[in-house]
Amino acid sequence: MKILAIDTALPAVSACVLDDEAEEAEALETIAMERGHAEALLPLIDRVMARVDGGFGGLYRVAVTVGPGSFTGLRVGVAAARAIGIACEIPVVGVSTLAALAAPLILSQKPGLVAAAIDARHGNVFFAAFGPDGRTILSPRLAPVHEAARSLGEGPVRLTGPGAPLLAQEALGLGIMAEIVSEFAAPDIEFVAKLGLLADPSSAPARPLYLKAPDAKPLDSQQIPAPAP
């Protein structure tokens, strides 16, 4: 059974198709980008699917990163995943961006916590922590960096994600044993697919997990001059 995985949550657009009996993706493509996810995603998916035996008809599930991440990126990815799910009449599941970042470290089965972090700006991070067995210890949340570091305990903690340096600096300042293992800007799309294969559609909906309000705010009526009568 094949799953199509999609990621647009962070500074990359990625898609792959993985068979549940295979270790490596049948087709995969990733493009690093800060902007332009909406324009790049569908052509990228078409290129990936063109290299898959059976095309869209061979899929049994779609997985998509649901956040935290970019507001625009999350909307683009989730909308595309849902549309493909409807067109192919297959389930769509959501995968936490933080869980996908942490998955390679969890699989290494070393002792201590694994924490994934994303820079949320203004001294804050999105983060989550997992036990060496993959059990969620701290669910995805938004917090000031110092609060996030304090919540990790005494360590050891292995850190991953683009916000790992921020969290590591604060943790080390508190005397917490912390090691940066990876600073990847976006999840490995194959791990998004693997987590998607394990997900239960009834408890892992393809719904954006924003965790905070957008930075950009609409102008109110007092800032916009009224039109002349």
N, C-alpha and C. Protein backbone atom coordinates (compact mmCIF):
# COMPACT_ATOMS: atom_id res chain seq x y z
N MET A 1 0.84 -1.19 0.00
CA MET A 1 0.00 0.00 0.00
C MET A 1 0.88 1.24 0.00
N LYS A 2 0.53 2.19 -0.83
CA LYS A 2 1.36 3.37 -1.02
C LYS A 2 0.72 4.61 -0.39
N ILE A 3 1.59 5.44 0.18
CA ILE A 3 1.14 6.69 0.77
C ILE A 3 1.87 7.84 0.09
N LEU A 4 1.13 8.90 -0.18
CA LEU A 4 1.71 10.15 -0.67
C LEU A 4 1.87 11.07 0.52
N ALA A 5 3.10 11.54 0.76
CA ALA A 5 3.37 12.48 1.85
C ALA A 5 3.69 13.85 1.28
N ILE A 6 3.18 14.89 1.94
CA ILE A 6 3.34 16.27 1.50
C ILE A 6 3.80 17.12 2.67
N ASP A 7 4.78 17.98 2.44
CA ASP A 7 5.23 18.90 3.49
C ASP A 7 5.45 20.29 2.90
N THR A 8 4.76 21.27 3.47
CA THR A 8 4.95 22.67 3.09
C THR A 8 4.98 23.55 4.33
N ALA A 9 5.25 22.96 5.49
CA ALA A 9 5.11 23.69 6.75
C ALA A 9 6.23 24.69 7.00
N LEU A 10 7.43 24.41 6.50
CA LEU A 10 8.61 25.22 6.79
C LEU A 10 9.27 25.63 5.48
N PRO A 11 10.53 26.08 5.47
CA PRO A 11 11.12 26.61 4.22
C PRO A 11 11.50 25.53 3.21
N ALA A 12 10.52 24.73 2.81
CA ALA A 12 10.73 23.70 1.79
C ALA A 12 9.37 23.24 1.29
N VAL A 13 9.38 22.71 0.07
CA VAL A 13 8.21 22.02 -0.48
C VAL A 13 8.67 20.62 -0.82
N SER A 14 8.00 19.61 -0.26
CA SER A 14 8.44 18.23 -0.43
C SER A 14 7.25 17.32 -0.67
N ALA A 15 7.50 16.25 -1.41
CA ALA A 15 6.50 15.19 -1.58
C ALA A 15 7.24 13.89 -1.86
N CYS A 16 6.66 12.80 -1.41
CA CYS A 16 7.22 11.50 -1.75
C CYS A 16 6.11 10.47 -1.71
N VAL A 17 6.36 9.34 -2.34
CA VAL A 17 5.47 8.19 -2.29
C VAL A 17 6.27 7.03 -1.72
N LEU A 18 5.71 6.42 -0.67
CA LEU A 18 6.38 5.32 0.02
C LEU A 18 5.42 4.15 0.12
N ASP A 19 5.91 2.97 -0.20
CA ASP A 19 5.13 1.74 -0.02
C ASP A 19 5.34 1.26 1.41
N ASP A 20 4.29 0.76 2.05
CA ASP A 20 4.42 0.35 3.44
C ASP A 20 5.35 -0.84 3.64
N GLU A 21 5.74 -1.52 2.58
CA GLU A 21 6.66 -2.64 2.68
C GLU A 21 8.08 -2.26 2.26
N ALA A 22 8.30 -0.97 1.97
CA ALA A 22 9.61 -0.52 1.51
C ALA A 22 10.26 0.38 2.55
N GLU A 23 11.59 0.42 2.56
CA GLU A 23 12.34 1.28 3.45
C GLU A 23 12.56 2.66 2.86
N GLU A 24 12.64 2.73 1.52
CA GLU A 24 12.91 3.99 0.85
C GLU A 24 11.76 4.36 -0.07
N ALA A 25 11.63 5.66 -0.32
CA ALA A 25 10.55 6.16 -1.15
C ALA A 25 10.70 5.70 -2.60
N GLU A 26 9.57 5.44 -3.23
CA GLU A 26 9.57 5.11 -4.65
C GLU A 26 9.88 6.33 -5.49
N ALA A 27 9.42 7.49 -5.04
CA ALA A 27 9.70 8.75 -5.73
C ALA A 27 9.71 9.85 -4.68
N LEU A 28 10.59 10.82 -4.88
CA LEU A 28 10.75 11.88 -3.87
C LEU A 28 11.32 13.12 -4.50
N GLU A 29 10.86 14.28 -4.04
CA GLU A 29 11.45 15.55 -4.47
C GLU A 29 11.27 16.59 -3.37
N THR A 30 12.31 17.36 -3.12
CA THR A 30 12.29 18.44 -2.15
C THR A 30 12.92 19.68 -2.76
N ILE A 31 12.26 20.82 -2.58
CA ILE A 31 12.82 22.10 -3.02
C ILE A 31 12.84 23.03 -1.81
N ALA A 32 14.02 23.52 -1.46
CA ALA A 32 14.12 24.49 -0.38
C ALA A 32 13.63 25.84 -0.87
N MET A 33 12.74 26.48 -0.11
CA MET A 33 12.24 27.80 -0.50
C MET A 33 11.59 28.47 0.69
N GLU A 34 11.75 29.78 0.77
CA GLU A 34 11.11 30.56 1.82
C GLU A 34 9.69 30.96 1.43
N ARG A 35 9.48 31.24 0.15
CA ARG A 35 8.17 31.67 -0.35
C ARG A 35 7.87 30.95 -1.66
N GLY A 36 6.62 31.01 -2.07
CA GLY A 36 6.24 30.41 -3.34
C GLY A 36 5.75 28.98 -3.24
N HIS A 37 5.40 28.55 -2.02
CA HIS A 37 4.93 27.18 -1.84
C HIS A 37 3.71 26.86 -2.70
N ALA A 38 2.78 27.81 -2.79
CA ALA A 38 1.54 27.56 -3.53
C ALA A 38 1.81 27.30 -5.00
N GLU A 39 2.75 28.04 -5.58
CA GLU A 39 3.06 27.87 -7.00
C GLU A 39 3.87 26.61 -7.26
N ALA A 40 4.68 26.20 -6.29
CA ALA A 40 5.60 25.08 -6.52
C ALA A 40 4.99 23.71 -6.21
N LEU A 41 4.01 23.66 -5.31
CA LEU A 41 3.59 22.36 -4.79
C LEU A 41 2.96 21.44 -5.84
N LEU A 42 1.94 21.89 -6.53
CA LEU A 42 1.24 20.98 -7.44
C LEU A 42 2.11 20.48 -8.58
N PRO A 43 2.93 21.34 -9.22
CA PRO A 43 3.86 20.80 -10.22
C PRO A 43 4.82 19.77 -9.64
N LEU A 44 5.27 20.00 -8.39
CA LEU A 44 6.18 19.05 -7.74
C LEU A 44 5.47 17.71 -7.52
N ILE A 45 4.23 17.75 -7.04
CA ILE A 45 3.48 16.51 -6.84
C ILE A 45 3.29 15.78 -8.16
N ASP A 46 2.99 16.51 -9.22
CA ASP A 46 2.82 15.88 -10.54
C ASP A 46 4.10 15.17 -10.97
N ARG A 47 5.26 15.80 -10.72
CA ARG A 47 6.52 15.17 -11.12
C ARG A 47 6.79 13.91 -10.30
N VAL A 48 6.48 13.97 -9.01
CA VAL A 48 6.66 12.79 -8.16
C VAL A 48 5.75 11.66 -8.60
N MET A 49 4.48 11.96 -8.81
CA MET A 49 3.52 10.93 -9.17
C MET A 49 3.79 10.34 -10.54
N ALA A 50 4.42 11.10 -11.43
CA ALA A 50 4.75 10.58 -12.77
C ALA A 50 5.78 9.46 -12.68
N ARG A 51 6.50 9.37 -11.56
CA ARG A 51 7.53 8.32 -11.40
C ARG A 51 7.02 7.14 -10.57
N VAL A 52 5.72 7.14 -10.26
CA VAL A 52 5.14 6.10 -9.41
C VAL A 52 4.31 5.13 -10.25
N ASP A 53 4.59 3.84 -10.12
CA ASP A 53 3.79 2.84 -10.82
C ASP A 53 2.33 2.92 -10.36
N GLY A 54 1.44 3.04 -11.31
CA GLY A 54 0.02 3.12 -10.99
C GLY A 54 -0.48 4.52 -10.74
N GLY A 55 0.44 5.50 -10.62
CA GLY A 55 0.04 6.88 -10.43
C GLY A 55 -0.85 7.08 -9.21
N PHE A 56 -1.74 8.04 -9.32
CA PHE A 56 -2.64 8.35 -8.20
C PHE A 56 -3.54 7.17 -7.85
N GLY A 57 -3.85 6.34 -8.85
CA GLY A 57 -4.73 5.20 -8.60
C GLY A 57 -4.13 4.16 -7.69
N GLY A 58 -2.82 4.19 -7.50
CA GLY A 58 -2.16 3.22 -6.64
C GLY A 58 -2.04 3.66 -5.19
N LEU A 59 -2.50 4.87 -4.88
CA LEU A 59 -2.39 5.38 -3.52
C LEU A 59 -3.52 4.85 -2.64
N TYR A 60 -3.20 4.65 -1.34
CA TYR A 60 -4.27 4.28 -0.40
C TYR A 60 -4.42 5.30 0.71
N ARG A 61 -3.49 6.27 0.78
CA ARG A 61 -3.55 7.26 1.84
C ARG A 61 -2.69 8.46 1.46
N VAL A 62 -3.05 9.63 2.02
CA VAL A 62 -2.24 10.84 1.89
C VAL A 62 -1.91 11.33 3.30
N ALA A 63 -0.65 11.76 3.50
CA ALA A 63 -0.24 12.36 4.77
C ALA A 63 0.29 13.76 4.49
N VAL A 64 0.03 14.67 5.42
CA VAL A 64 0.48 16.05 5.23
C VAL A 64 0.88 16.62 6.59
N THR A 65 1.97 17.38 6.61
CA THR A 65 2.36 18.07 7.84
C THR A 65 1.33 19.16 8.13
N VAL A 66 0.88 19.21 9.38
CA VAL A 66 -0.19 20.14 9.76
C VAL A 66 0.29 21.25 10.68
N GLY A 67 1.58 21.26 11.01
CA GLY A 67 2.11 22.33 11.82
C GLY A 67 2.66 21.83 13.13
N PRO A 68 3.23 22.76 13.86
CA PRO A 68 3.28 24.21 13.57
C PRO A 68 4.19 24.53 12.39
N GLY A 69 4.00 25.75 11.88
CA GLY A 69 4.77 26.19 10.72
C GLY A 69 4.18 27.44 10.14
N SER A 70 4.52 27.71 8.89
CA SER A 70 4.04 28.89 8.19
C SER A 70 2.54 28.82 7.95
N PHE A 71 1.84 29.91 8.23
CA PHE A 71 0.39 29.94 7.99
C PHE A 71 0.08 29.61 6.54
N THR A 72 0.75 30.30 5.63
CA THR A 72 0.48 30.08 4.21
C THR A 72 0.87 28.69 3.79
N GLY A 73 2.04 28.24 4.21
CA GLY A 73 2.50 26.91 3.84
C GLY A 73 1.56 25.82 4.32
N LEU A 74 1.10 25.92 5.54
CA LEU A 74 0.21 24.90 6.08
C LEU A 74 -1.10 24.85 5.30
N ARG A 75 -1.64 26.01 4.99
CA ARG A 75 -2.92 26.04 4.24
C ARG A 75 -2.75 25.41 2.86
N VAL A 76 -1.64 25.70 2.21
CA VAL A 76 -1.38 25.17 0.87
C VAL A 76 -1.28 23.64 0.91
N GLY A 77 -0.48 23.13 1.84
CA GLY A 77 -0.29 21.69 1.92
C GLY A 77 -1.54 20.94 2.30
N VAL A 78 -2.26 21.44 3.29
CA VAL A 78 -3.48 20.76 3.74
C VAL A 78 -4.54 20.78 2.65
N ALA A 79 -4.68 21.92 1.97
CA ALA A 79 -5.68 22.00 0.90
C ALA A 79 -5.37 21.01 -0.22
N ALA A 80 -4.11 20.91 -0.60
CA ALA A 80 -3.73 19.98 -1.66
C ALA A 80 -3.97 18.54 -1.23
N ALA A 81 -3.60 18.20 0.00
CA ALA A 81 -3.79 16.84 0.49
C ALA A 81 -5.27 16.47 0.52
N ARG A 82 -6.08 17.39 1.02
CA ARG A 82 -7.52 17.12 1.07
C ARG A 82 -8.11 16.93 -0.33
N ALA A 83 -7.68 17.76 -1.25
CA ALA A 83 -8.20 17.67 -2.62
C ALA A 83 -7.84 16.32 -3.25
N ILE A 84 -6.60 15.88 -3.04
CA ILE A 84 -6.18 14.59 -3.58
C ILE A 84 -6.96 13.46 -2.91
N GLY A 85 -7.15 13.58 -1.60
CA GLY A 85 -7.92 12.56 -0.89
C GLY A 85 -9.34 12.43 -1.41
N ILE A 86 -9.98 13.58 -1.67
CA ILE A 86 -11.35 13.55 -2.21
C ILE A 86 -11.36 12.96 -3.61
N ALA A 87 -10.43 13.41 -4.45
CA ALA A 87 -10.40 12.94 -5.84
C ALA A 87 -10.12 11.45 -5.92
N CYS A 88 -9.25 10.94 -5.05
CA CYS A 88 -8.88 9.52 -5.10
C CYS A 88 -9.72 8.66 -4.16
N GLU A 89 -10.57 9.32 -3.35
CA GLU A 89 -11.43 8.62 -2.39
C GLU A 89 -10.60 7.78 -1.42
N ILE A 90 -9.58 8.43 -0.84
CA ILE A 90 -8.70 7.78 0.13
C ILE A 90 -8.57 8.67 1.35
N PRO A 91 -8.24 8.11 2.51
CA PRO A 91 -8.12 8.92 3.73
C PRO A 91 -6.91 9.84 3.69
N VAL A 92 -7.02 10.95 4.42
CA VAL A 92 -5.93 11.92 4.56
C VAL A 92 -5.64 12.07 6.05
N VAL A 93 -4.38 11.99 6.42
CA VAL A 93 -4.00 12.11 7.83
C VAL A 93 -3.03 13.28 8.01
N GLY A 94 -3.09 13.87 9.20
CA GLY A 94 -2.18 14.95 9.54
C GLY A 94 -1.02 14.45 10.38
N VAL A 95 0.16 15.00 10.12
CA VAL A 95 1.38 14.62 10.85
C VAL A 95 1.97 15.88 11.46
N SER A 96 2.27 15.84 12.75
CA SER A 96 2.91 16.97 13.42
C SER A 96 4.27 17.26 12.81
N THR A 97 4.53 18.52 12.50
CA THR A 97 5.84 18.90 11.99
C THR A 97 6.93 18.56 13.00
N LEU A 98 6.66 18.79 14.27
CA LEU A 98 7.64 18.53 15.31
C LEU A 98 7.92 17.03 15.46
N ALA A 99 6.88 16.21 15.37
CA ALA A 99 7.08 14.76 15.42
C ALA A 99 7.91 14.27 14.24
N ALA A 100 7.68 14.85 13.07
CA ALA A 100 8.44 14.46 11.89
C ALA A 100 9.91 14.85 12.03
N LEU A 101 10.18 16.02 12.61
CA LEU A 101 11.56 16.43 12.85
C LEU A 101 12.24 15.50 13.86
N ALA A 102 11.49 15.07 14.86
CA ALA A 102 12.07 14.25 15.93
C ALA A 102 12.23 12.79 15.55
N ALA A 103 11.47 12.30 14.59
CA ALA A 103 11.43 10.87 14.29
C ALA A 103 12.80 10.23 14.04
N PRO A 104 13.71 10.85 13.25
CA PRO A 104 15.00 10.20 13.04
C PRO A 104 15.79 10.00 14.34
N LEU A 105 15.68 10.94 15.27
CA LEU A 105 16.39 10.82 16.54
C LEU A 105 15.76 9.76 17.43
N ILE A 106 14.43 9.68 17.40
CA ILE A 106 13.75 8.67 18.20
C ILE A 106 14.14 7.27 17.74
N LEU A 107 14.24 7.08 16.45
CA LEU A 107 14.57 5.76 15.90
C LEU A 107 15.99 5.32 16.26
N SER A 108 16.85 6.26 16.60
CA SER A 108 18.21 5.89 17.00
C SER A 108 18.25 5.23 18.37
N GLN A 109 17.15 5.38 19.14
CA GLN A 109 16.95 4.68 20.41
C GLN A 109 18.07 4.94 21.42
N LYS A 110 18.51 6.17 21.50
CA LYS A 110 19.49 6.54 22.52
C LYS A 110 18.75 7.04 23.76
N PRO A 111 19.38 7.00 24.92
CA PRO A 111 18.69 7.41 26.15
C PRO A 111 18.43 8.91 26.19
N GLY A 112 17.44 9.28 26.98
CA GLY A 112 17.12 10.69 27.17
C GLY A 112 16.00 11.18 26.29
N LEU A 113 15.59 12.41 26.56
CA LEU A 113 14.53 13.03 25.78
C LEU A 113 15.01 13.43 24.39
N VAL A 114 14.07 13.48 23.48
CA VAL A 114 14.27 14.10 22.17
C VAL A 114 13.33 15.29 22.09
N ALA A 115 13.86 16.47 21.82
CA ALA A 115 13.03 17.66 21.70
C ALA A 115 13.22 18.28 20.32
N ALA A 116 12.13 18.60 19.69
CA ALA A 116 12.16 19.29 18.39
C ALA A 116 11.67 20.71 18.59
N ALA A 117 12.36 21.66 17.96
CA ALA A 117 12.01 23.07 18.16
C ALA A 117 12.06 23.83 16.85
N ILE A 118 11.16 24.79 16.73
CA ILE A 118 11.09 25.69 15.57
C ILE A 118 11.06 27.11 16.11
N ASP A 119 11.87 27.97 15.54
CA ASP A 119 11.89 29.37 15.95
C ASP A 119 10.56 30.03 15.62
N ALA A 120 9.85 30.48 16.65
CA ALA A 120 8.56 31.15 16.46
C ALA A 120 8.69 32.67 16.53
N ARG A 121 9.93 33.17 16.61
CA ARG A 121 10.25 34.60 16.65
C ARG A 121 9.85 35.24 17.98
N HIS A 122 10.40 36.43 18.17
CA HIS A 122 10.10 37.22 19.37
C HIS A 122 10.45 36.47 20.66
N GLY A 123 11.52 35.65 20.63
CA GLY A 123 11.94 34.94 21.82
C GLY A 123 11.12 33.71 22.15
N ASN A 124 10.33 33.24 21.21
CA ASN A 124 9.48 32.07 21.44
C ASN A 124 9.89 30.92 20.53
N VAL A 125 9.51 29.71 20.92
CA VAL A 125 9.71 28.54 20.08
C VAL A 125 8.45 27.68 20.10
N PHE A 126 8.22 27.01 18.98
CA PHE A 126 7.31 25.88 18.96
C PHE A 126 8.16 24.68 19.35
N PHE A 127 7.67 23.86 20.24
CA PHE A 127 8.49 22.71 20.60
C PHE A 127 7.62 21.57 21.12
N ALA A 128 8.21 20.38 21.11
CA ALA A 128 7.59 19.18 21.68
C ALA A 128 8.73 18.27 22.11
N ALA A 129 8.45 17.41 23.08
CA ALA A 129 9.46 16.48 23.57
C ALA A 129 8.91 15.06 23.59
N PHE A 130 9.81 14.12 23.31
CA PHE A 130 9.42 12.72 23.19
C PHE A 130 10.40 11.85 23.96
N GLY A 131 9.90 10.75 24.51
CA GLY A 131 10.75 9.78 25.17
C GLY A 131 11.52 8.97 24.15
N PRO A 132 12.52 8.20 24.59
CA PRO A 132 13.29 7.39 23.65
C PRO A 132 12.47 6.32 22.96
N ASP A 133 11.30 6.01 23.52
CA ASP A 133 10.40 5.04 22.90
C ASP A 133 9.39 5.70 21.96
N GLY A 134 9.50 7.00 21.79
CA GLY A 134 8.59 7.72 20.90
C GLY A 134 7.36 8.27 21.60
N ARG A 135 7.19 7.97 22.86
CA ARG A 135 6.03 8.47 23.60
C ARG A 135 6.12 9.98 23.76
N THR A 136 5.00 10.67 23.55
CA THR A 136 4.98 12.12 23.68
C THR A 136 5.05 12.51 25.16
N ILE A 137 6.08 13.28 25.52
CA ILE A 137 6.24 13.76 26.88
C ILE A 137 5.67 15.16 27.03
N LEU A 138 5.97 16.01 26.07
CA LEU A 138 5.42 17.36 26.02
C LEU A 138 4.79 17.55 24.65
N SER A 139 3.48 17.75 24.62
CA SER A 139 2.78 17.90 23.35
C SER A 139 3.18 19.21 22.67
N PRO A 140 2.97 19.33 21.36
CA PRO A 140 3.35 20.56 20.66
C PRO A 140 2.76 21.79 21.30
N ARG A 141 3.62 22.80 21.51
CA ARG A 141 3.18 24.02 22.18
C ARG A 141 4.05 25.19 21.77
N LEU A 142 3.57 26.39 22.07
CA LEU A 142 4.32 27.63 21.87
C LEU A 142 4.68 28.18 23.24
N ALA A 143 5.96 28.54 23.44
CA ALA A 143 6.39 29.05 24.74
C ALA A 143 7.62 29.92 24.57
N PRO A 144 7.86 30.85 25.50
CA PRO A 144 9.14 31.55 25.51
C PRO A 144 10.28 30.53 25.63
N VAL A 145 11.43 30.86 25.04
CA VAL A 145 12.54 29.90 25.00
C VAL A 145 12.93 29.45 26.40
N HIS A 146 12.98 30.38 27.36
CA HIS A 146 13.42 30.00 28.71
C HIS A 146 12.44 29.04 29.37
N GLU A 147 11.14 29.23 29.11
CA GLU A 147 10.15 28.31 29.67
C GLU A 147 10.26 26.93 29.02
N ALA A 148 10.48 26.93 27.72
CA ALA A 148 10.64 25.66 27.01
C ALA A 148 11.83 24.89 27.55
N ALA A 149 12.94 25.60 27.77
CA ALA A 149 14.15 24.93 28.28
C ALA A 149 13.91 24.36 29.67
N ARG A 150 13.27 25.12 30.54
CA ARG A 150 13.02 24.65 31.91
C ARG A 150 12.14 23.40 31.93
N SER A 151 11.25 23.29 30.97
CA SER A 151 10.33 22.16 30.96
C SER A 151 11.00 20.85 30.56
N LEU A 152 12.25 20.92 30.10
CA LEU A 152 12.94 19.72 29.62
C LEU A 152 13.58 18.92 30.75
N GLY A 153 13.57 19.44 31.96
CA GLY A 153 14.18 18.71 33.07
C GLY A 153 15.69 18.85 33.06
N GLU A 154 16.38 17.89 33.66
CA GLU A 154 17.83 17.97 33.81
C GLU A 154 18.59 17.41 32.61
N GLY A 155 17.91 16.69 31.74
CA GLY A 155 18.57 16.08 30.61
C GLY A 155 19.00 14.65 30.93
N PRO A 156 19.69 13.99 30.00
CA PRO A 156 20.15 14.55 28.73
C PRO A 156 19.00 14.74 27.74
N VAL A 157 19.16 15.75 26.87
CA VAL A 157 18.17 16.05 25.84
C VAL A 157 18.89 16.17 24.50
N ARG A 158 18.37 15.50 23.51
CA ARG A 158 18.88 15.65 22.15
C ARG A 158 17.92 16.55 21.38
N LEU A 159 18.45 17.56 20.74
CA LEU A 159 17.64 18.60 20.11
C LEU A 159 17.73 18.53 18.59
N THR A 160 16.63 18.85 17.96
CA THR A 160 16.58 18.87 16.51
C THR A 160 15.64 19.97 16.04
N GLY A 161 15.76 20.34 14.78
CA GLY A 161 14.89 21.35 14.20
C GLY A 161 15.56 22.70 14.10
N PRO A 162 14.99 23.61 13.32
CA PRO A 162 15.60 24.91 13.11
C PRO A 162 15.67 25.78 14.36
N GLY A 163 14.88 25.45 15.38
CA GLY A 163 14.94 26.20 16.64
C GLY A 163 15.84 25.56 17.68
N ALA A 164 16.56 24.50 17.30
CA ALA A 164 17.41 23.79 18.25
C ALA A 164 18.50 24.68 18.85
N PRO A 165 19.19 25.52 18.06
CA PRO A 165 20.24 26.36 18.67
C PRO A 165 19.70 27.30 19.75
N LEU A 166 18.52 27.88 19.53
CA LEU A 166 17.92 28.76 20.54
C LEU A 166 17.66 28.00 21.83
N LEU A 167 17.06 26.82 21.69
CA LEU A 167 16.71 26.03 22.86
C LEU A 167 17.96 25.50 23.56
N ALA A 168 18.96 25.12 22.78
CA ALA A 168 20.20 24.60 23.36
C ALA A 168 20.91 25.67 24.18
N GLN A 169 20.99 26.88 23.65
CA GLN A 169 21.67 27.97 24.36
C GLN A 169 21.02 28.23 25.71
N GLU A 170 19.70 28.25 25.73
CA GLU A 170 18.98 28.49 26.98
C GLU A 170 19.13 27.31 27.93
N ALA A 171 19.04 26.09 27.39
CA ALA A 171 19.15 24.90 28.24
C ALA A 171 20.53 24.80 28.88
N LEU A 172 21.56 25.03 28.08
CA LEU A 172 22.92 24.96 28.63
C LEU A 172 23.15 26.02 29.69
N GLY A 173 22.54 27.19 29.51
CA GLY A 173 22.65 28.25 30.52
C GLY A 173 22.00 27.87 31.83
N LEU A 174 21.03 26.97 31.78
CA LEU A 174 20.36 26.50 32.99
C LEU A 174 21.02 25.24 33.57
N GLY A 175 22.10 24.82 32.93
CA GLY A 175 22.78 23.62 33.41
C GLY A 175 22.15 22.33 32.95
N ILE A 176 21.30 22.38 31.93
CA ILE A 176 20.65 21.19 31.41
C ILE A 176 21.55 20.54 30.36
N MET A 177 21.75 19.24 30.45
CA MET A 177 22.56 18.53 29.47
C MET A 177 21.80 18.47 28.15
N ALA A 178 22.23 19.24 27.17
CA ALA A 178 21.54 19.32 25.90
C ALA A 178 22.54 19.24 24.75
N GLU A 179 22.16 18.51 23.71
CA GLU A 179 23.03 18.32 22.55
C GLU A 179 22.22 18.57 21.28
N ILE A 180 22.74 19.42 20.40
CA ILE A 180 22.10 19.64 19.10
C ILE A 180 22.53 18.52 18.17
N VAL A 181 21.59 17.71 17.74
CA VAL A 181 21.88 16.62 16.82
C VAL A 181 21.64 17.04 15.39
N SER A 182 20.64 17.88 15.19
CA SER A 182 20.28 18.29 13.82
C SER A 182 19.65 19.67 13.87
N GLU A 183 19.93 20.46 12.84
CA GLU A 183 19.30 21.77 12.69
C GLU A 183 18.54 21.86 11.37
N PHE A 184 18.07 20.73 10.86
CA PHE A 184 17.38 20.73 9.58
C PHE A 184 16.24 21.74 9.58
N ALA A 185 16.13 22.49 8.50
CA ALA A 185 15.11 23.53 8.41
C ALA A 185 13.72 22.97 8.21
N ALA A 186 13.62 21.74 7.70
CA ALA A 186 12.33 21.12 7.41
C ALA A 186 12.44 19.62 7.65
N PRO A 187 11.31 18.94 7.87
CA PRO A 187 11.36 17.50 8.12
C PRO A 187 11.81 16.72 6.89
N ASP A 188 12.38 15.55 7.14
CA ASP A 188 12.66 14.58 6.09
C ASP A 188 11.32 14.01 5.62
N ILE A 189 11.00 14.20 4.36
CA ILE A 189 9.67 13.83 3.87
C ILE A 189 9.40 12.33 3.99
N GLU A 190 10.44 11.51 3.96
CA GLU A 190 10.21 10.08 4.13
C GLU A 190 9.70 9.76 5.53
N PHE A 191 10.14 10.53 6.53
CA PHE A 191 9.63 10.31 7.88
C PHE A 191 8.21 10.82 8.03
N VAL A 192 7.83 11.84 7.27
CA VAL A 192 6.42 12.25 7.24
C VAL A 192 5.57 11.10 6.71
N ALA A 193 6.07 10.44 5.66
CA ALA A 193 5.34 9.30 5.09
C ALA A 193 5.24 8.15 6.09
N LYS A 194 6.35 7.85 6.79
CA LYS A 194 6.34 6.73 7.74
C LYS A 194 5.41 6.99 8.91
N LEU A 195 5.40 8.23 9.40
CA LEU A 195 4.46 8.57 10.47
C LEU A 195 3.02 8.54 9.95
N GLY A 196 2.83 8.95 8.71
CA GLY A 196 1.50 8.90 8.12
C GLY A 196 0.97 7.48 7.99
N LEU A 197 1.86 6.52 7.74
CA LEU A 197 1.44 5.12 7.66
C LEU A 197 0.95 4.62 9.02
N LEU A 198 1.53 5.15 10.09
CA LEU A 198 1.16 4.71 11.45
C LEU A 198 -0.05 5.43 12.01
N ALA A 199 -0.40 6.56 11.42
CA ALA A 199 -1.45 7.41 11.98
C ALA A 199 -2.84 6.80 11.80
N ASP A 200 -3.71 7.11 12.75
CA ASP A 200 -5.11 6.70 12.68
C ASP A 200 -5.91 7.88 12.13
N PRO A 201 -6.55 7.73 10.99
CA PRO A 201 -7.30 8.85 10.41
C PRO A 201 -8.34 9.45 11.34
N SER A 202 -8.86 8.65 12.27
CA SER A 202 -9.90 9.17 13.17
C SER A 202 -9.33 10.08 14.25
N SER A 203 -8.03 9.97 14.53
CA SER A 203 -7.43 10.78 15.59
C SER A 203 -6.31 11.69 15.09
N ALA A 204 -6.05 11.66 13.79
CA ALA A 204 -4.99 12.50 13.22
C ALA A 204 -5.54 13.23 11.99
N PRO A 205 -6.46 14.17 12.22
CA PRO A 205 -7.09 14.86 11.08
C PRO A 205 -6.12 15.78 10.35
N ALA A 206 -6.37 15.99 9.08
CA ALA A 206 -5.57 16.92 8.28
C ALA A 206 -6.11 18.32 8.50
N ARG A 207 -5.78 18.87 9.65
CA ARG A 207 -6.26 20.18 10.05
C ARG A 207 -5.08 20.99 10.58
N PRO A 208 -4.88 22.23 10.11
CA PRO A 208 -3.70 23.00 10.53
C PRO A 208 -3.61 23.18 12.03
N LEU A 209 -2.38 23.02 12.55
CA LEU A 209 -2.08 23.25 13.95
C LEU A 209 -1.21 24.50 14.02
N TYR A 210 -1.85 25.66 14.17
CA TYR A 210 -1.13 26.93 14.09
C TYR A 210 -0.39 27.26 15.40
N LEU A 211 -1.02 27.06 16.53
CA LEU A 211 -0.50 27.34 17.87
C LEU A 211 -0.37 28.82 18.20
N LYS A 212 -0.45 29.70 17.23
CA LYS A 212 -0.44 31.12 17.54
C LYS A 212 -1.16 31.88 16.45
N ALA A 213 -1.55 33.11 16.76
CA ALA A 213 -2.21 33.97 15.79
C ALA A 213 -1.19 34.46 14.77
N PRO A 214 -1.63 34.83 13.58
CA PRO A 214 -0.69 35.33 12.57
C PRO A 214 -0.05 36.63 13.02
N ASP A 215 1.21 36.85 12.58
CA ASP A 215 1.90 38.10 12.89
C ASP A 215 1.26 39.28 12.17
N ALA A 216 0.83 39.06 10.93
CA ALA A 216 0.20 40.13 10.16
C ALA A 216 -1.25 40.30 10.59
N LYS A 217 -1.67 41.52 10.83
CA LYS A 217 -3.03 41.79 11.27
C LYS A 217 -3.69 42.77 10.30
N PRO A 218 -4.98 42.56 10.03
CA PRO A 218 -5.66 43.47 9.12
C PRO A 218 -5.78 44.86 9.72
N LEU A 219 -5.78 45.86 8.88
CA LEU A 219 -5.98 47.22 9.34
C LEU A 219 -7.42 47.41 9.80
N ASP A 220 -7.61 48.19 10.87
CA ASP A 220 -8.98 48.42 11.32
C ASP A 220 -9.56 49.63 10.59
N SER A 221 -10.84 49.85 10.81
CA SER A 221 -11.54 50.89 10.07
C SER A 221 -10.98 52.29 10.36
N GLN A 222 -10.34 52.47 11.55
CA GLN A 222 -9.83 53.80 11.88
C GLN A 222 -8.57 54.12 11.08
N GLN A 223 -7.90 53.07 10.57
CA GLN A 223 -6.66 53.29 9.82
C GLN A 223 -6.91 53.45 8.33
N ILE A 224 -8.10 53.10 7.90
CA ILE A 224 -8.42 53.16 6.48
C ILE A 224 -9.40 54.31 6.27
N PRO A 225 -9.02 55.32 5.54
CA PRO A 225 -9.94 56.45 5.33
C PRO A 225 -11.21 55.99 4.61
N ALA A 226 -12.32 56.53 5.10
CA ALA A 226 -13.59 56.17 4.47
C ALA A 226 -13.67 56.80 3.08
N PRO A 227 -14.31 56.09 2.13
CA PRO A 227 -14.42 56.64 0.80
C PRO A 227 -15.28 57.91 0.81
N ALA A 228 -14.97 58.81 -0.08
CA ALA A 228 -15.75 60.05 -0.19
C ALA A 228 -17.16 59.72 -0.64
N PRO A 229 -18.14 60.42 -0.10
CA PRO A 229 -19.53 60.17 -0.50
C PRO A 229 -19.76 60.56 -1.95
